[in-house]
């Protein structure tokens, strides 16, 4: 008997309705996971219980060699203290995968004002890898201050005979590789005045830029906590194959 309640194939996307903990062991390994799981019970998702301790080992085991997991999350504040679930999750992933990069998704504004700490403006994106990542396509959209210029003075080097020779100066390009702090609009700001059918939609640009950075056109990406399908839309836009798993029927229908 199949562990999923429903299966839909739409082009290069295969969508499963059911619990990813039960479904993932029956699927082939994928090249990348890009997901924003329902961390710290910040939202209600149809009454389903999410346990990262159970989820992390199964998700980690679903990654092929050279593949990555891009895991977007933040921490809730309870009784005046941040939970630290993000760090515990990262350490649990590191029992089987590398912590290849710790990135920051910075929002333009904050959801709730803080009165005894600075306003919360960011979420983590942990990039875990199964060995050395096989793909990295750096996005180069950071404007270089010294664009069009090169090294100051004459660019010289010492040849094999010990004499100084002059060589062509390297001219700085207009744009260079961005850093690992990404400032982006929220999903609501991406789609102003459009009602969000899911309580915590991942920004499409965030999912898309992660897919561009860590995958190629022949790769299969997965979101085991699919929600409204943002990662799937990003894959469709980029020509990537996609596997999505969602436990809540009303979000699966979206």
Protein backbone atom coordinates (compact mmCIF):
# COMPACT_ATOMS: atom_id res chain seq x y z
CA UNK A 1 0.00 0.00 0.00
CA UNK A 2 1.34 3.44 -0.95
CA UNK A 3 2.25 5.72 1.99
CA UNK A 4 0.63 8.72 0.25
CA UNK A 5 -3.07 9.55 0.08
CA UNK A 6 -2.92 11.19 -3.32
CA UNK A 7 -0.40 11.68 -6.12
CA UNK A 8 -0.47 14.28 -8.90
CA UNK A 9 1.94 14.58 -11.83
CA UNK A 10 2.01 17.99 -13.50
CA UNK A 11 4.72 18.28 -16.15
CA UNK A 12 8.05 17.74 -14.40
CA UNK A 13 6.45 18.04 -10.97
CA UNK A 14 5.30 15.11 -8.85
CA UNK A 15 3.18 16.04 -5.84
CA UNK A 16 2.31 13.77 -2.92
CA UNK A 17 -0.37 14.30 -0.28
CA UNK A 18 0.70 12.72 2.98
CA UNK A 19 3.31 12.65 5.75
CA UNK A 20 6.83 13.17 4.40
CA UNK A 21 8.24 10.97 7.20
CA UNK A 22 6.34 8.03 5.70
CA UNK A 23 6.77 8.97 2.04
CA UNK A 24 10.47 9.92 1.83
CA UNK A 25 11.85 6.40 2.50
CA UNK A 26 9.98 5.22 -0.63
CA UNK A 27 11.44 7.85 -2.99
CA UNK A 28 14.73 8.10 -4.87
CA UNK A 29 17.39 10.46 -3.55
CA UNK A 30 17.24 14.02 -4.88
CA UNK A 31 19.83 16.65 -5.77
CA UNK A 32 18.50 19.36 -3.47
CA UNK A 33 15.90 20.18 -0.86
CA UNK A 34 14.69 23.77 -0.62
CA UNK A 35 12.18 24.19 2.17
CA UNK A 36 10.84 26.32 4.98
CA UNK A 37 9.41 23.84 7.52
CA UNK A 38 6.73 24.72 10.10
CA UNK A 39 9.31 25.61 12.76
CA UNK A 40 8.50 26.31 16.43
CA UNK A 41 4.71 26.03 15.97
CA UNK A 42 4.51 29.71 14.98
CA UNK A 43 1.51 28.94 12.75
CA UNK A 44 -1.34 26.45 12.80
CA UNK A 45 -1.14 23.96 9.94
CA UNK A 46 -4.36 22.01 10.18
CA UNK A 47 -3.48 20.62 13.61
CA UNK A 48 -0.53 18.59 12.32
CA UNK A 49 2.43 18.12 14.65
CA UNK A 50 5.92 18.81 13.27
CA UNK A 51 8.87 17.19 15.07
CA UNK A 52 12.25 18.25 13.68
CA UNK A 53 14.02 15.50 15.63
CA UNK A 54 12.18 12.91 13.56
CA UNK A 55 12.21 14.89 10.32
CA UNK A 56 15.89 15.90 10.05
CA UNK A 57 17.49 12.42 9.74
CA UNK A 58 14.96 11.34 7.11
CA UNK A 59 15.38 14.53 5.07
CA UNK A 60 19.18 14.31 5.34
CA UNK A 61 19.09 10.73 4.08
CA UNK A 62 17.12 11.82 0.98
CA UNK A 63 20.03 13.83 -0.46
CA UNK A 64 22.28 12.33 -3.14
CA UNK A 65 26.05 12.79 -3.04
CA UNK A 66 26.99 16.38 -3.80
CA UNK A 67 23.45 17.55 -3.10
CA UNK A 68 22.33 20.22 -0.65
CA UNK A 69 19.55 21.02 1.78
CA UNK A 70 18.56 24.70 1.99
CA UNK A 71 16.66 24.95 5.27
CA UNK A 72 14.93 28.27 6.03
CA UNK A 73 13.82 28.83 9.62
CA UNK A 74 13.69 31.18 12.59
CA UNK A 75 13.13 30.93 16.35
CA UNK A 76 10.09 31.79 18.40
CA UNK A 77 10.40 33.79 21.61
CA UNK A 78 8.77 32.02 24.56
CA UNK A 79 8.76 33.41 28.11
CA UNK A 80 11.28 36.05 27.09
CA UNK A 81 13.80 33.62 25.54
CA UNK A 82 14.43 32.60 21.96
CA UNK A 83 14.01 28.85 21.64
CA UNK A 84 17.25 28.12 19.79
CA UNK A 85 15.48 25.46 17.71
CA UNK A 86 17.35 26.69 14.65
CA UNK A 87 20.71 25.83 16.22
CA UNK A 88 19.51 22.47 17.53
CA UNK A 89 18.22 21.64 14.05
CA UNK A 90 21.55 22.60 12.48
CA UNK A 91 23.51 20.44 14.92
CA UNK A 92 21.20 17.50 14.23
CA UNK A 93 21.73 17.85 10.48
CA UNK A 94 25.49 17.98 11.07
CA UNK A 95 25.43 14.44 12.41
CA UNK A 96 25.19 13.26 8.78
CA UNK A 97 25.73 16.31 6.52
CA UNK A 98 28.16 19.23 6.35
CA UNK A 99 27.08 22.72 7.36
CA UNK A 100 28.29 24.26 4.13
CA UNK A 101 26.95 27.81 4.64
CA UNK A 102 24.96 29.77 7.18
CA UNK A 103 22.97 32.40 5.33
CA UNK A 104 20.64 35.17 6.47
CA UNK A 105 17.33 36.09 4.84
CA UNK A 106 16.81 39.74 5.84
CA UNK A 107 13.30 41.18 5.62
CA UNK A 108 12.57 44.84 4.84
CA UNK A 109 10.43 45.16 7.97
CA UNK A 110 9.48 43.34 11.17
CA UNK A 111 6.21 41.55 11.95
CA UNK A 112 5.94 42.35 15.65
CA UNK A 113 7.53 45.28 17.48
CA UNK A 114 10.03 44.46 20.22
CA UNK A 115 10.30 46.57 23.37
CA UNK A 116 13.28 45.07 25.19
CA UNK A 117 15.35 43.78 22.26
CA UNK A 118 16.04 44.90 18.69
CA UNK A 119 13.31 44.26 16.14
CA UNK A 120 13.49 40.83 14.56
CA UNK A 121 14.35 41.28 10.87
CA UNK A 122 15.90 38.01 9.70
CA UNK A 123 15.60 34.27 9.34
CA UNK A 124 18.32 31.66 8.89
CA UNK A 125 18.99 29.67 5.75
CA UNK A 126 21.26 26.75 6.60
CA UNK A 127 22.86 25.09 3.58
CA UNK A 128 23.81 21.51 4.40
CA UNK A 129 25.69 19.37 1.88
CA UNK A 130 26.28 15.69 1.32
CA UNK A 131 30.01 16.03 0.75
CA UNK A 132 31.32 18.84 -1.45
CA UNK A 133 28.43 20.52 -3.32
CA UNK A 134 28.55 19.48 -6.97
CA UNK A 135 27.03 22.79 -8.12
CA UNK A 136 27.53 26.43 -7.23
CA UNK A 137 26.31 29.15 -9.56
CA UNK A 138 27.08 32.40 -7.72
CA UNK A 139 24.62 35.20 -8.34
CA UNK A 140 26.60 38.30 -9.25
CA UNK A 141 24.38 41.29 -8.57
CA UNK A 142 26.40 43.11 -5.92
CA UNK A 143 27.45 46.48 -7.32
CA UNK A 144 31.22 46.99 -7.13
CA UNK A 145 32.22 50.40 -5.79
CA UNK A 146 35.45 50.37 -7.84
CA UNK A 147 33.83 49.10 -11.07
CA UNK A 148 35.77 50.05 -14.19
CA UNK A 149 39.04 50.55 -12.33
CA UNK A 150 41.94 48.19 -11.77
CA UNK A 151 45.03 47.91 -9.65
CA UNK A 152 46.60 51.25 -8.72
CA UNK A 153 49.77 52.14 -10.56
CA UNK A 154 51.49 49.69 -12.88
CA UNK A 155 50.64 45.99 -12.65
CA UNK A 156 54.02 44.28 -12.62
CA UNK A 157 55.38 40.84 -11.90
CA UNK A 158 58.83 39.24 -11.67
CA UNK A 159 59.63 36.82 -14.50
CA UNK A 160 61.66 33.62 -14.29
CA UNK A 161 64.87 35.59 -14.90
CA UNK A 162 64.14 37.82 -11.94
CA UNK A 163 63.33 40.89 -14.01
CA UNK A 164 60.23 43.02 -13.51
CA UNK A 165 57.71 43.01 -16.37
CA UNK A 166 54.49 44.88 -16.89
CA UNK A 167 51.21 43.14 -17.59
CA UNK A 168 47.65 44.18 -18.36
CA UNK A 169 45.68 45.51 -15.43
CA UNK A 170 42.65 43.58 -14.26
CA UNK A 171 39.60 45.80 -14.59
CA UNK A 172 36.94 45.38 -11.90
CA UNK A 173 33.56 44.27 -13.27
CA UNK A 174 30.41 46.33 -12.59
CA UNK A 175 28.91 43.56 -10.43
CA UNK A 176 30.39 40.89 -8.20
CA UNK A 177 29.16 37.91 -6.21
CA UNK A 178 26.66 38.79 -3.49
CA UNK A 179 27.30 37.92 0.16
CA UNK A 180 25.42 35.39 2.25
CA UNK A 181 23.02 37.99 3.69
CA UNK A 182 20.09 38.30 1.28
CA UNK A 183 17.66 41.19 1.73
CA UNK A 184 14.39 40.31 0.01
CA UNK A 185 10.70 41.10 0.18
CA UNK A 186 8.36 38.77 2.00
CA UNK A 187 5.81 36.79 -0.02
CA UNK A 188 3.16 39.36 0.90
CA UNK A 189 5.35 42.17 -0.38
CA UNK A 190 6.01 40.25 -3.59
CA UNK A 191 2.26 40.05 -4.20
CA UNK A 192 0.82 43.25 -2.80
CA UNK A 193 -2.96 43.24 -2.27
CA UNK A 194 -3.16 39.52 -3.11
CA UNK A 195 -4.51 37.34 -0.31
CA UNK A 196 -2.07 34.66 0.87
CA UNK A 197 -3.84 31.30 1.05
CA UNK A 198 -1.07 29.83 3.21
CA UNK A 199 -0.15 31.35 6.61
CA UNK A 200 3.63 31.33 6.01
CA UNK A 201 4.42 31.46 2.31
CA UNK A 202 8.09 31.36 1.30
CA UNK A 203 9.11 34.24 -0.99
CA UNK A 204 9.35 33.08 -4.60
CA UNK A 205 12.57 35.02 -5.21
CA UNK A 206 14.20 33.37 -2.20
CA UNK A 207 13.32 29.87 -3.41
CA UNK A 208 14.34 30.75 -6.97
CA UNK A 209 17.71 32.24 -6.07
CA UNK A 210 18.56 29.24 -3.89
CA UNK A 211 17.67 26.93 -6.78
CA UNK A 212 19.81 28.97 -9.18
CA UNK A 213 22.75 28.94 -6.75
CA UNK A 214 22.90 25.27 -5.83
CA UNK A 215 21.33 23.31 -8.72
CA UNK A 216 21.43 22.85 -12.49
CA UNK A 217 18.70 22.32 -15.07
CA UNK A 218 19.01 18.52 -14.93
CA UNK A 219 18.60 18.32 -11.14
CA UNK A 220 15.58 17.14 -9.16
CA UNK A 221 14.58 19.40 -6.27
CA UNK A 222 12.25 18.57 -3.43
CA UNK A 223 10.22 20.34 -0.77
CA UNK A 224 9.00 17.84 1.86
CA UNK A 225 6.95 20.61 3.54
CA UNK A 226 5.51 21.98 0.31
CA UNK A 227 2.84 24.30 1.70
CA UNK A 228 1.44 26.35 -1.17
CA UNK A 229 4.15 25.14 -3.55
CA UNK A 230 6.54 28.09 -3.83
CA UNK A 231 9.60 25.90 -4.41
CA UNK A 232 7.68 24.03 -7.10
CA UNK A 233 6.82 27.28 -8.89
CA UNK A 234 10.49 28.31 -8.75
CA UNK A 235 11.46 24.96 -10.27
CA UNK A 236 8.85 25.35 -13.02
CA UNK A 237 10.20 28.81 -13.84
CA UNK A 238 13.78 27.46 -14.02
CA UNK A 239 13.06 24.19 -15.82
CA UNK A 240 13.98 22.01 -12.84
CA UNK A 241 12.25 18.75 -11.92
CA UNK A 242 10.31 18.95 -8.65
CA UNK A 243 8.96 16.64 -5.95
CA UNK A 244 6.60 18.13 -3.39
CA UNK A 245 5.09 16.56 -0.28
CA UNK A 246 2.33 18.20 1.76
CA UNK A 247 0.38 16.71 4.65
CA UNK A 248 -2.54 19.18 4.76
CA UNK A 249 -5.15 18.64 1.98
CA UNK A 250 -6.20 22.30 1.69
CA UNK A 251 -2.60 23.40 1.09
CA UNK A 252 -1.99 20.49 -1.29
CA UNK A 253 -4.98 21.69 -3.34
CA UNK A 254 -3.36 25.14 -3.70
